[in-house]
Amino acid sequence: MNAVLKSAMTLEAFLEWESRQEGKFEFDGFGPVAMVSVSIEQSRIQSNLVGSLYNRLRVHRCEVHGSELKIEVAGRIRYPDAFIHCTPVPRGTLVVKDPVIVFEILSPGTAYTDRFLKNWEYRDTPSIQAYVMLEQTHIAAMVFSRHGDDWTGRALPADAVLAFPDIGISLPLADLYEGVAFPPETEDE
């Protein structure tokens, strides 16, 4: 058997390479991963999320960003659907290294990565206090949060309120789904 093994790309080499690309790529610790297109539902949820967080953080020390800005977590580069950071960043910053709360909107093509791989990366990044995974086909979320050395998760139903006491904000989960059309319910649900 004649196998060729490629060596892993370094984070620095990835950032330099990505700066020359037209599309967006995440870095999984080994090499580039192309970002996938999003559905209209995901786009609406993301717009509602960023808008709601922006309104709550307008006179706050923290700020929200959408998927246009990347974060570094556990030696990887990610473009979450939204994130909050609470420390000043220098002009021209391209990578935020200390996000506090990270949001991902689950889709069929990325659900495994979001639920497991990114969850572990976010858990292993000390600045991150909460990770919120928003469902796309129902009003629901899974929230993982840091409690000392523990990283614990809880499922939230449609009538829940996302509360972030560390930064003093909360928002009704249902508000994030305004204008989103859901698939018809089946008898299994």
N, C-alpha and C. Protein backbone atom coordinates (compact mmCIF):
# COMPACT_ATOMS: atom_id res chain seq x y z
N MET A 1 0.86 -1.18 0.00
CA MET A 1 0.00 0.00 0.00
C MET A 1 0.89 1.23 0.00
N ASN A 2 0.58 2.17 -0.85
CA ASN A 2 1.37 3.38 -0.97
C ASN A 2 0.49 4.56 -0.57
N ALA A 3 0.55 4.98 0.69
CA ALA A 3 -0.29 6.06 1.19
C ALA A 3 0.55 7.32 1.39
N VAL A 4 -0.02 8.42 1.03
CA VAL A 4 0.64 9.70 1.24
C VAL A 4 -0.07 10.41 2.37
N LEU A 5 0.66 10.75 3.40
CA LEU A 5 0.09 11.47 4.53
C LEU A 5 0.47 12.93 4.44
N LYS A 6 -0.52 13.79 4.49
CA LYS A 6 -0.25 15.21 4.49
C LYS A 6 -0.05 15.65 5.93
N SER A 7 0.87 16.57 6.14
CA SER A 7 1.05 17.08 7.50
C SER A 7 0.01 18.16 7.75
N ALA A 8 -0.28 18.35 9.01
CA ALA A 8 -1.27 19.35 9.38
C ALA A 8 -0.76 20.75 9.07
N MET A 9 -1.65 21.59 8.66
CA MET A 9 -1.34 22.99 8.42
C MET A 9 -1.27 23.69 9.78
N THR A 10 -0.39 24.62 9.95
CA THR A 10 -0.34 25.37 11.21
C THR A 10 -1.42 26.45 11.18
N LEU A 11 -1.78 26.93 12.34
CA LEU A 11 -2.76 28.00 12.45
C LEU A 11 -2.27 29.24 11.70
N GLU A 12 -1.02 29.57 11.86
CA GLU A 12 -0.45 30.74 11.18
C GLU A 12 -0.49 30.56 9.66
N ALA A 13 -0.13 29.37 9.18
CA ALA A 13 -0.17 29.11 7.73
C ALA A 13 -1.60 29.19 7.21
N PHE A 14 -2.56 28.69 7.99
CA PHE A 14 -3.97 28.77 7.59
C PHE A 14 -4.40 30.22 7.45
N LEU A 15 -4.12 31.06 8.46
CA LEU A 15 -4.54 32.46 8.42
C LEU A 15 -3.94 33.19 7.23
N GLU A 16 -2.70 32.90 6.93
CA GLU A 16 -2.05 33.52 5.77
C GLU A 16 -2.70 33.03 4.48
N TRP A 17 -2.95 31.73 4.38
CA TRP A 17 -3.60 31.14 3.21
C TRP A 17 -5.01 31.71 3.04
N GLU A 18 -5.79 31.76 4.13
CA GLU A 18 -7.17 32.22 4.05
C GLU A 18 -7.25 33.68 3.59
N SER A 19 -6.28 34.47 3.96
CA SER A 19 -6.31 35.88 3.58
C SER A 19 -6.28 36.08 2.07
N ARG A 20 -5.88 35.06 1.33
CA ARG A 20 -5.82 35.14 -0.13
C ARG A 20 -7.02 34.48 -0.82
N GLN A 21 -7.95 33.95 -0.05
CA GLN A 21 -9.09 33.22 -0.61
C GLN A 21 -10.29 34.15 -0.77
N GLU A 22 -11.15 33.82 -1.73
CA GLU A 22 -12.38 34.59 -1.91
C GLU A 22 -13.47 34.15 -0.95
N GLY A 23 -13.56 32.86 -0.66
CA GLY A 23 -14.58 32.34 0.24
C GLY A 23 -14.10 32.33 1.68
N LYS A 24 -14.99 31.89 2.57
CA LYS A 24 -14.64 31.77 3.99
C LYS A 24 -14.35 30.31 4.31
N PHE A 25 -13.36 30.10 5.15
CA PHE A 25 -12.97 28.77 5.57
C PHE A 25 -12.74 28.76 7.07
N GLU A 26 -13.15 27.67 7.72
CA GLU A 26 -12.77 27.45 9.11
C GLU A 26 -11.51 26.60 9.10
N PHE A 27 -10.84 26.55 10.23
CA PHE A 27 -9.63 25.74 10.39
C PHE A 27 -9.91 24.74 11.50
N ASP A 28 -9.87 23.45 11.17
CA ASP A 28 -10.24 22.40 12.13
C ASP A 28 -9.05 21.83 12.89
N GLY A 29 -7.91 22.51 12.83
CA GLY A 29 -6.71 22.02 13.51
C GLY A 29 -5.80 21.23 12.59
N PHE A 30 -6.31 20.89 11.40
CA PHE A 30 -5.53 20.13 10.43
C PHE A 30 -5.43 20.89 9.11
N GLY A 31 -6.57 21.42 8.65
CA GLY A 31 -6.59 22.12 7.37
C GLY A 31 -7.86 22.92 7.19
N PRO A 32 -8.02 23.59 6.05
CA PRO A 32 -9.20 24.41 5.79
C PRO A 32 -10.46 23.59 5.58
N VAL A 33 -11.58 24.13 6.05
CA VAL A 33 -12.91 23.54 5.85
C VAL A 33 -13.79 24.65 5.28
N ALA A 34 -14.30 24.45 4.05
CA ALA A 34 -15.12 25.47 3.40
C ALA A 34 -16.41 25.68 4.16
N MET A 35 -16.82 26.93 4.27
CA MET A 35 -18.09 27.26 4.90
C MET A 35 -19.22 26.91 3.93
N VAL A 36 -20.32 26.41 4.47
CA VAL A 36 -21.44 26.01 3.63
C VAL A 36 -22.48 27.12 3.54
N SER A 37 -23.30 27.07 2.52
CA SER A 37 -24.39 28.04 2.35
C SER A 37 -25.42 27.83 3.45
N VAL A 38 -26.19 28.88 3.72
CA VAL A 38 -27.23 28.78 4.75
C VAL A 38 -28.61 28.91 4.12
N SER A 39 -29.60 28.38 4.82
CA SER A 39 -30.99 28.47 4.37
C SER A 39 -31.58 29.82 4.78
N ILE A 40 -32.72 30.15 4.21
CA ILE A 40 -33.41 31.38 4.57
C ILE A 40 -33.79 31.35 6.05
N GLU A 41 -34.16 30.17 6.55
CA GLU A 41 -34.53 30.06 7.97
C GLU A 41 -33.33 30.39 8.86
N GLN A 42 -32.17 29.83 8.51
CA GLN A 42 -30.98 30.10 9.31
C GLN A 42 -30.62 31.58 9.25
N SER A 43 -30.74 32.17 8.07
CA SER A 43 -30.43 33.59 7.93
C SER A 43 -31.37 34.45 8.78
N ARG A 44 -32.66 34.11 8.82
CA ARG A 44 -33.62 34.87 9.63
C ARG A 44 -33.32 34.72 11.12
N ILE A 45 -33.02 33.50 11.55
CA ILE A 45 -32.70 33.28 12.96
C ILE A 45 -31.44 34.08 13.33
N GLN A 46 -30.43 34.04 12.47
CA GLN A 46 -29.19 34.77 12.74
C GLN A 46 -29.45 36.27 12.79
N SER A 47 -30.23 36.81 11.86
CA SER A 47 -30.54 38.24 11.87
C SER A 47 -31.28 38.64 13.14
N ASN A 48 -32.28 37.82 13.52
CA ASN A 48 -33.02 38.10 14.75
C ASN A 48 -32.10 38.04 15.97
N LEU A 49 -31.22 37.05 16.00
CA LEU A 49 -30.30 36.88 17.12
C LEU A 49 -29.36 38.07 17.25
N VAL A 50 -28.68 38.42 16.17
CA VAL A 50 -27.72 39.52 16.21
C VAL A 50 -28.44 40.83 16.54
N GLY A 51 -29.61 41.05 15.93
CA GLY A 51 -30.37 42.27 16.22
C GLY A 51 -30.80 42.36 17.68
N SER A 52 -31.31 41.26 18.22
CA SER A 52 -31.74 41.24 19.63
C SER A 52 -30.57 41.48 20.57
N LEU A 53 -29.45 40.81 20.29
CA LEU A 53 -28.28 41.00 21.14
C LEU A 53 -27.72 42.41 21.01
N TYR A 54 -27.68 42.93 19.79
CA TYR A 54 -27.19 44.29 19.59
C TYR A 54 -28.01 45.29 20.41
N ASN A 55 -29.34 45.17 20.35
CA ASN A 55 -30.20 46.10 21.10
C ASN A 55 -29.95 46.02 22.60
N ARG A 56 -29.68 44.83 23.12
CA ARG A 56 -29.45 44.68 24.55
C ARG A 56 -28.04 45.12 24.97
N LEU A 57 -27.13 45.15 24.03
CA LEU A 57 -25.73 45.47 24.37
C LEU A 57 -25.31 46.88 23.93
N ARG A 58 -26.23 47.69 23.48
CA ARG A 58 -25.88 49.01 22.93
C ARG A 58 -25.12 49.89 23.91
N VAL A 59 -25.44 49.88 25.16
CA VAL A 59 -24.73 50.70 26.15
C VAL A 59 -24.01 49.81 27.16
N HIS A 60 -23.48 48.73 26.68
CA HIS A 60 -22.85 47.70 27.51
C HIS A 60 -21.37 47.63 27.16
N ARG A 61 -20.58 47.07 28.05
CA ARG A 61 -19.14 46.90 27.76
C ARG A 61 -18.90 45.78 26.75
N CYS A 62 -19.86 44.89 26.56
CA CYS A 62 -19.72 43.77 25.63
C CYS A 62 -20.33 44.14 24.28
N GLU A 63 -19.94 43.40 23.24
CA GLU A 63 -20.55 43.61 21.93
C GLU A 63 -20.75 42.29 21.20
N VAL A 64 -21.68 42.31 20.26
CA VAL A 64 -22.02 41.11 19.49
C VAL A 64 -21.50 41.24 18.07
N HIS A 65 -21.14 40.11 17.49
CA HIS A 65 -20.74 40.03 16.08
C HIS A 65 -21.42 38.81 15.48
N GLY A 66 -21.66 38.88 14.18
CA GLY A 66 -22.21 37.76 13.45
C GLY A 66 -21.09 36.95 12.80
N SER A 67 -21.45 36.17 11.80
CA SER A 67 -20.50 35.23 11.20
C SER A 67 -19.49 35.89 10.26
N GLU A 68 -19.46 37.20 10.21
CA GLU A 68 -18.47 37.88 9.37
C GLU A 68 -17.09 37.95 10.05
N LEU A 69 -17.04 37.74 11.36
CA LEU A 69 -15.78 37.83 12.10
C LEU A 69 -15.45 36.47 12.70
N LYS A 70 -14.19 36.10 12.68
CA LYS A 70 -13.79 34.77 13.16
C LYS A 70 -13.26 34.83 14.58
N ILE A 71 -13.31 33.67 15.23
CA ILE A 71 -12.76 33.52 16.57
C ILE A 71 -11.72 32.41 16.57
N GLU A 72 -10.77 32.49 17.51
CA GLU A 72 -9.81 31.42 17.70
C GLU A 72 -10.19 30.68 18.97
N VAL A 73 -10.38 29.37 18.85
CA VAL A 73 -10.76 28.53 19.98
C VAL A 73 -9.98 27.23 19.93
N ALA A 74 -9.31 26.91 21.02
CA ALA A 74 -8.58 25.63 21.13
C ALA A 74 -7.69 25.38 19.91
N GLY A 75 -7.00 26.43 19.42
CA GLY A 75 -6.10 26.28 18.29
C GLY A 75 -6.77 26.13 16.95
N ARG A 76 -8.05 26.47 16.88
CA ARG A 76 -8.81 26.37 15.64
C ARG A 76 -9.44 27.72 15.32
N ILE A 77 -9.89 27.88 14.09
CA ILE A 77 -10.56 29.10 13.67
C ILE A 77 -12.00 28.75 13.31
N ARG A 78 -12.93 29.48 13.90
CA ARG A 78 -14.36 29.25 13.65
C ARG A 78 -15.05 30.56 13.31
N TYR A 79 -16.10 30.46 12.53
CA TYR A 79 -16.98 31.58 12.21
C TYR A 79 -18.36 31.24 12.80
N PRO A 80 -18.58 31.46 14.09
CA PRO A 80 -19.89 31.13 14.65
C PRO A 80 -20.96 32.04 14.06
N ASP A 81 -22.21 31.62 14.18
CA ASP A 81 -23.31 32.43 13.68
C ASP A 81 -23.41 33.76 14.42
N ALA A 82 -23.02 33.76 15.69
CA ALA A 82 -22.92 35.00 16.47
C ALA A 82 -22.05 34.71 17.68
N PHE A 83 -21.44 35.76 18.21
CA PHE A 83 -20.70 35.63 19.46
C PHE A 83 -20.63 36.98 20.15
N ILE A 84 -20.42 36.92 21.45
CA ILE A 84 -20.27 38.12 22.28
C ILE A 84 -18.86 38.10 22.85
N HIS A 85 -18.21 39.26 22.84
CA HIS A 85 -16.94 39.40 23.55
C HIS A 85 -17.02 40.67 24.38
N CYS A 86 -16.23 40.74 25.44
CA CYS A 86 -16.36 41.83 26.41
C CYS A 86 -15.06 42.58 26.67
N THR A 87 -14.06 42.38 25.85
CA THR A 87 -12.80 43.11 26.02
C THR A 87 -12.55 43.95 24.78
N PRO A 88 -11.88 45.09 24.97
CA PRO A 88 -11.58 45.92 23.80
C PRO A 88 -10.67 45.18 22.83
N VAL A 89 -10.87 45.42 21.54
CA VAL A 89 -10.00 44.83 20.52
C VAL A 89 -9.40 45.97 19.69
N PRO A 90 -8.14 45.82 19.31
CA PRO A 90 -7.50 46.87 18.52
C PRO A 90 -8.13 47.02 17.14
N ARG A 91 -8.04 48.21 16.62
CA ARG A 91 -8.50 48.49 15.26
C ARG A 91 -7.85 47.51 14.29
N GLY A 92 -8.61 47.01 13.32
CA GLY A 92 -8.08 46.09 12.32
C GLY A 92 -8.02 44.64 12.75
N THR A 93 -8.53 44.31 13.93
CA THR A 93 -8.51 42.92 14.41
C THR A 93 -9.31 42.03 13.46
N LEU A 94 -8.73 40.90 13.09
CA LEU A 94 -9.41 39.94 12.21
C LEU A 94 -9.85 38.69 12.95
N VAL A 95 -9.22 38.40 14.10
CA VAL A 95 -9.52 37.20 14.87
C VAL A 95 -9.72 37.59 16.34
N VAL A 96 -10.90 37.30 16.89
CA VAL A 96 -11.15 37.55 18.31
C VAL A 96 -10.76 36.30 19.08
N LYS A 97 -9.93 36.49 20.11
CA LYS A 97 -9.39 35.33 20.83
C LYS A 97 -10.06 35.07 22.18
N ASP A 98 -10.98 35.93 22.58
CA ASP A 98 -11.60 35.73 23.89
C ASP A 98 -13.11 35.91 23.88
N PRO A 99 -13.82 35.16 23.03
CA PRO A 99 -15.28 35.25 23.05
C PRO A 99 -15.81 34.78 24.40
N VAL A 100 -16.97 35.30 24.80
CA VAL A 100 -17.56 34.95 26.09
C VAL A 100 -18.78 34.04 25.90
N ILE A 101 -19.60 34.34 24.88
CA ILE A 101 -20.77 33.53 24.57
C ILE A 101 -20.77 33.28 23.06
N VAL A 102 -21.00 32.04 22.66
CA VAL A 102 -20.96 31.66 21.25
C VAL A 102 -22.30 31.02 20.88
N PHE A 103 -22.80 31.36 19.68
CA PHE A 103 -24.07 30.85 19.18
C PHE A 103 -23.84 30.15 17.84
N GLU A 104 -24.42 28.97 17.69
CA GLU A 104 -24.43 28.26 16.42
C GLU A 104 -25.88 27.87 16.12
N ILE A 105 -26.28 28.00 14.86
CA ILE A 105 -27.60 27.58 14.41
C ILE A 105 -27.41 26.26 13.67
N LEU A 106 -28.01 25.22 14.19
CA LEU A 106 -27.79 23.87 13.67
C LEU A 106 -28.42 23.69 12.30
N SER A 107 -27.70 23.01 11.42
CA SER A 107 -28.24 22.63 10.12
C SER A 107 -27.83 21.19 9.87
N PRO A 108 -28.52 20.49 8.98
CA PRO A 108 -28.20 19.08 8.77
C PRO A 108 -26.73 18.83 8.41
N GLY A 109 -26.13 19.71 7.64
CA GLY A 109 -24.76 19.49 7.21
C GLY A 109 -23.70 19.79 8.26
N THR A 110 -24.07 20.55 9.30
CA THR A 110 -23.07 20.93 10.31
C THR A 110 -23.42 20.49 11.72
N ALA A 111 -24.54 19.82 11.91
CA ALA A 111 -25.02 19.50 13.26
C ALA A 111 -24.00 18.69 14.06
N TYR A 112 -23.38 17.67 13.47
CA TYR A 112 -22.40 16.88 14.23
C TYR A 112 -21.23 17.75 14.68
N THR A 113 -20.70 18.54 13.77
CA THR A 113 -19.58 19.42 14.11
C THR A 113 -19.99 20.39 15.21
N ASP A 114 -21.17 20.99 15.08
CA ASP A 114 -21.63 21.96 16.08
C ASP A 114 -21.90 21.31 17.43
N ARG A 115 -22.56 20.15 17.42
CA ARG A 115 -22.94 19.51 18.69
C ARG A 115 -21.75 18.90 19.43
N PHE A 116 -20.78 18.42 18.69
CA PHE A 116 -19.69 17.71 19.35
C PHE A 116 -18.34 18.42 19.21
N LEU A 117 -17.82 18.52 18.00
CA LEU A 117 -16.47 19.06 17.83
C LEU A 117 -16.36 20.50 18.34
N LYS A 118 -17.26 21.37 17.92
CA LYS A 118 -17.21 22.75 18.39
C LYS A 118 -17.54 22.84 19.88
N ASN A 119 -18.44 22.00 20.34
CA ASN A 119 -18.76 21.99 21.77
C ASN A 119 -17.50 21.72 22.59
N TRP A 120 -16.71 20.75 22.18
CA TRP A 120 -15.47 20.45 22.90
C TRP A 120 -14.48 21.60 22.80
N GLU A 121 -14.38 22.20 21.61
CA GLU A 121 -13.47 23.34 21.43
C GLU A 121 -13.89 24.51 22.32
N TYR A 122 -15.18 24.81 22.36
CA TYR A 122 -15.67 25.92 23.17
C TYR A 122 -15.49 25.62 24.65
N ARG A 123 -15.71 24.38 25.04
CA ARG A 123 -15.48 23.98 26.43
C ARG A 123 -14.02 24.18 26.81
N ASP A 124 -13.12 23.90 25.89
CA ASP A 124 -11.68 24.00 26.16
C ASP A 124 -11.12 25.40 25.99
N THR A 125 -11.97 26.38 25.76
CA THR A 125 -11.55 27.78 25.63
C THR A 125 -12.03 28.51 26.89
N PRO A 126 -11.12 28.83 27.81
CA PRO A 126 -11.51 29.36 29.12
C PRO A 126 -12.37 30.63 29.09
N SER A 127 -12.23 31.47 28.08
CA SER A 127 -13.02 32.71 28.07
C SER A 127 -14.50 32.44 27.82
N ILE A 128 -14.83 31.33 27.17
CA ILE A 128 -16.23 31.05 26.81
C ILE A 128 -16.99 30.55 28.03
N GLN A 129 -18.02 31.31 28.38
CA GLN A 129 -18.86 30.99 29.53
C GLN A 129 -20.14 30.26 29.13
N ALA A 130 -20.56 30.42 27.87
CA ALA A 130 -21.78 29.74 27.41
C ALA A 130 -21.71 29.49 25.91
N TYR A 131 -22.29 28.36 25.51
CA TYR A 131 -22.40 27.98 24.11
C TYR A 131 -23.85 27.62 23.86
N VAL A 132 -24.49 28.32 22.91
CA VAL A 132 -25.91 28.13 22.62
C VAL A 132 -26.05 27.55 21.23
N MET A 133 -26.70 26.39 21.14
CA MET A 133 -27.02 25.76 19.85
C MET A 133 -28.52 25.94 19.62
N LEU A 134 -28.85 26.66 18.55
CA LEU A 134 -30.24 26.93 18.22
C LEU A 134 -30.71 25.97 17.13
N GLU A 135 -31.86 25.36 17.36
CA GLU A 135 -32.46 24.49 16.36
C GLU A 135 -33.00 25.34 15.21
N GLN A 136 -33.09 24.76 14.03
CA GLN A 136 -33.58 25.49 12.88
C GLN A 136 -35.01 25.09 12.49
N THR A 137 -35.44 23.89 12.91
CA THR A 137 -36.75 23.39 12.52
C THR A 137 -37.79 23.48 13.63
N HIS A 138 -37.39 23.93 14.80
CA HIS A 138 -38.28 24.10 15.95
C HIS A 138 -37.73 25.24 16.80
N ILE A 139 -38.58 25.83 17.62
CA ILE A 139 -38.10 26.81 18.58
C ILE A 139 -37.56 26.02 19.78
N ALA A 140 -36.26 25.89 19.83
CA ALA A 140 -35.62 25.13 20.90
C ALA A 140 -34.12 25.41 20.87
N ALA A 141 -33.49 25.21 22.02
CA ALA A 141 -32.04 25.44 22.10
C ALA A 141 -31.43 24.49 23.11
N MET A 142 -30.14 24.23 22.92
CA MET A 142 -29.34 23.51 23.89
C MET A 142 -28.26 24.50 24.33
N VAL A 143 -28.16 24.70 25.63
CA VAL A 143 -27.20 25.67 26.16
C VAL A 143 -26.21 24.94 27.06
N PHE A 144 -24.93 25.09 26.74
CA PHE A 144 -23.87 24.59 27.61
C PHE A 144 -23.25 25.78 28.30
N SER A 145 -22.97 25.63 29.59
CA SER A 145 -22.37 26.75 30.31
C SER A 145 -21.34 26.24 31.32
N ARG A 146 -20.44 27.14 31.64
CA ARG A 146 -19.34 26.85 32.54
C ARG A 146 -19.76 27.16 33.97
N HIS A 147 -19.53 26.21 34.85
CA HIS A 147 -19.78 26.37 36.29
C HIS A 147 -18.54 25.85 37.00
N GLY A 148 -17.57 26.74 37.23
CA GLY A 148 -16.29 26.29 37.77
C GLY A 148 -15.60 25.40 36.76
N ASP A 149 -15.30 24.17 37.15
CA ASP A 149 -14.65 23.23 36.23
C ASP A 149 -15.66 22.40 35.43
N ASP A 150 -16.94 22.57 35.69
CA ASP A 150 -17.97 21.80 35.00
C ASP A 150 -18.48 22.52 33.76
N TRP A 151 -18.79 21.76 32.72
CA TRP A 151 -19.39 22.25 31.48
C TRP A 151 -20.70 21.49 31.36
N THR A 152 -21.81 22.14 31.67
CA THR A 152 -23.08 21.44 31.74
C THR A 152 -24.05 21.95 30.69
N GLY A 153 -24.89 21.05 30.21
CA GLY A 153 -25.86 21.40 29.18
C GLY A 153 -27.28 21.27 29.67
N ARG A 154 -28.15 22.10 29.08
CA ARG A 154 -29.57 21.98 29.37
C ARG A 154 -30.36 22.33 28.12
N ALA A 155 -31.45 21.62 27.92
CA ALA A 155 -32.32 21.84 26.77
C ALA A 155 -33.37 22.87 27.15
N LEU A 156 -33.62 23.82 26.23
CA LEU A 156 -34.61 24.86 26.49
C LEU A 156 -35.77 24.73 25.51
N PRO A 157 -37.02 24.80 26.03
CA PRO A 157 -38.20 24.74 25.16
C PRO A 157 -38.54 26.11 24.59
N ALA A 158 -39.56 26.15 23.75
CA ALA A 158 -39.94 27.37 23.02
C ALA A 158 -40.25 28.55 23.93
N ASP A 159 -40.79 28.31 25.11
CA ASP A 159 -41.17 29.43 25.97
C ASP A 159 -40.05 29.87 26.93
N ALA A 160 -38.86 29.37 26.74
CA ALA A 160 -37.74 29.69 27.64
C ALA A 160 -37.17 31.07 27.35
N VAL A 161 -36.43 31.56 28.32
CA VAL A 161 -35.70 32.81 28.18
C VAL A 161 -34.22 32.47 28.28
N LEU A 162 -33.45 32.90 27.28
CA LEU A 162 -32.00 32.73 27.34
C LEU A 162 -31.47 33.80 28.30
N ALA A 163 -30.86 33.36 29.40
CA ALA A 163 -30.36 34.30 30.40
C ALA A 163 -28.85 34.17 30.51
N PHE A 164 -28.18 35.31 30.50
CA PHE A 164 -26.73 35.36 30.63
C PHE A 164 -26.39 36.29 31.79
N PRO A 165 -26.50 35.77 33.02
CA PRO A 165 -26.30 36.62 34.18
C PRO A 165 -24.89 37.21 34.28
N ASP A 166 -23.90 36.53 33.71
CA ASP A 166 -22.53 37.04 33.77
C ASP A 166 -22.40 38.40 33.10
N ILE A 167 -23.23 38.65 32.07
CA ILE A 167 -23.17 39.95 31.40
C ILE A 167 -24.46 40.74 31.57
N GLY A 168 -25.42 40.19 32.33
CA GLY A 168 -26.62 40.93 32.68
C GLY A 168 -27.64 41.12 31.58
N ILE A 169 -27.79 40.14 30.67
CA ILE A 169 -28.82 40.25 29.63
C ILE A 169 -29.62 38.95 29.54
N SER A 170 -30.81 39.07 28.97
CA SER A 170 -31.63 37.90 28.68
C SER A 170 -32.50 38.22 27.48
N LEU A 171 -32.95 37.17 26.80
CA LEU A 171 -33.84 37.37 25.66
C LEU A 171 -34.72 36.14 25.51
N PRO A 172 -36.01 36.37 25.19
CA PRO A 172 -36.92 35.25 24.97
C PRO A 172 -36.48 34.44 23.75
N LEU A 173 -36.41 33.15 23.91
CA LEU A 173 -35.99 32.28 22.83
C LEU A 173 -36.90 32.44 21.61
N ALA A 174 -38.20 32.53 21.82
CA ALA A 174 -39.15 32.63 20.71
C ALA A 174 -38.89 33.86 19.84
N ASP A 175 -38.36 34.95 20.41
CA ASP A 175 -38.09 36.16 19.63
C ASP A 175 -37.08 35.90 18.51
N LEU A 176 -36.21 34.92 18.69
CA LEU A 176 -35.17 34.63 17.70
C LEU A 176 -35.75 33.96 16.45
N TYR A 177 -36.97 33.47 16.55
CA TYR A 177 -37.59 32.73 15.46
C TYR A 177 -38.68 33.52 14.74
N GLU A 178 -38.76 34.82 15.00
CA GLU A 178 -39.77 35.65 14.35
C GLU A 178 -39.59 35.59 12.83
N GLY A 179 -40.68 35.31 12.11
CA GLY A 179 -40.65 35.25 10.65
C GLY A 179 -40.14 33.95 10.07
N VAL A 180 -39.87 32.96 10.91
CA VAL A 180 -39.35 31.67 10.43
C VAL A 180 -40.51 30.71 10.21
N ALA A 181 -40.58 30.13 9.01
CA ALA A 181 -41.60 29.13 8.69
C ALA A 181 -41.05 27.76 9.07
N PHE A 182 -41.82 27.02 9.83
CA PHE A 182 -41.40 25.70 10.26
C PHE A 182 -42.05 24.61 9.42
N PRO A 183 -41.40 23.45 9.31
CA PRO A 183 -42.02 22.34 8.58
C PRO A 183 -43.27 21.87 9.33
N PRO A 184 -44.20 21.26 8.62
CA PRO A 184 -45.41 20.77 9.30
C PRO A 184 -45.04 19.72 10.35
N GLU A 185 -45.80 19.74 11.44
CA GLU A 185 -45.59 18.76 12.51
C GLU A 185 -46.01 17.38 12.02
N THR A 186 -45.29 16.36 12.46
CA THR A 186 -45.67 14.99 12.14
C THR A 186 -46.17 14.33 13.41
N GLU A 187 -46.79 13.18 13.29
CA GLU A 187 -47.33 12.50 14.46
C GLU A 187 -46.22 12.04 15.41
N ASP A 188 -44.99 11.90 14.92
CA ASP A 188 -43.87 11.47 15.78
C ASP A 188 -43.46 12.57 16.77
N GLU A 189 -43.80 13.81 16.48
CA GLU A 189 -43.28 14.93 17.26
C GLU A 189 -44.17 15.32 18.40
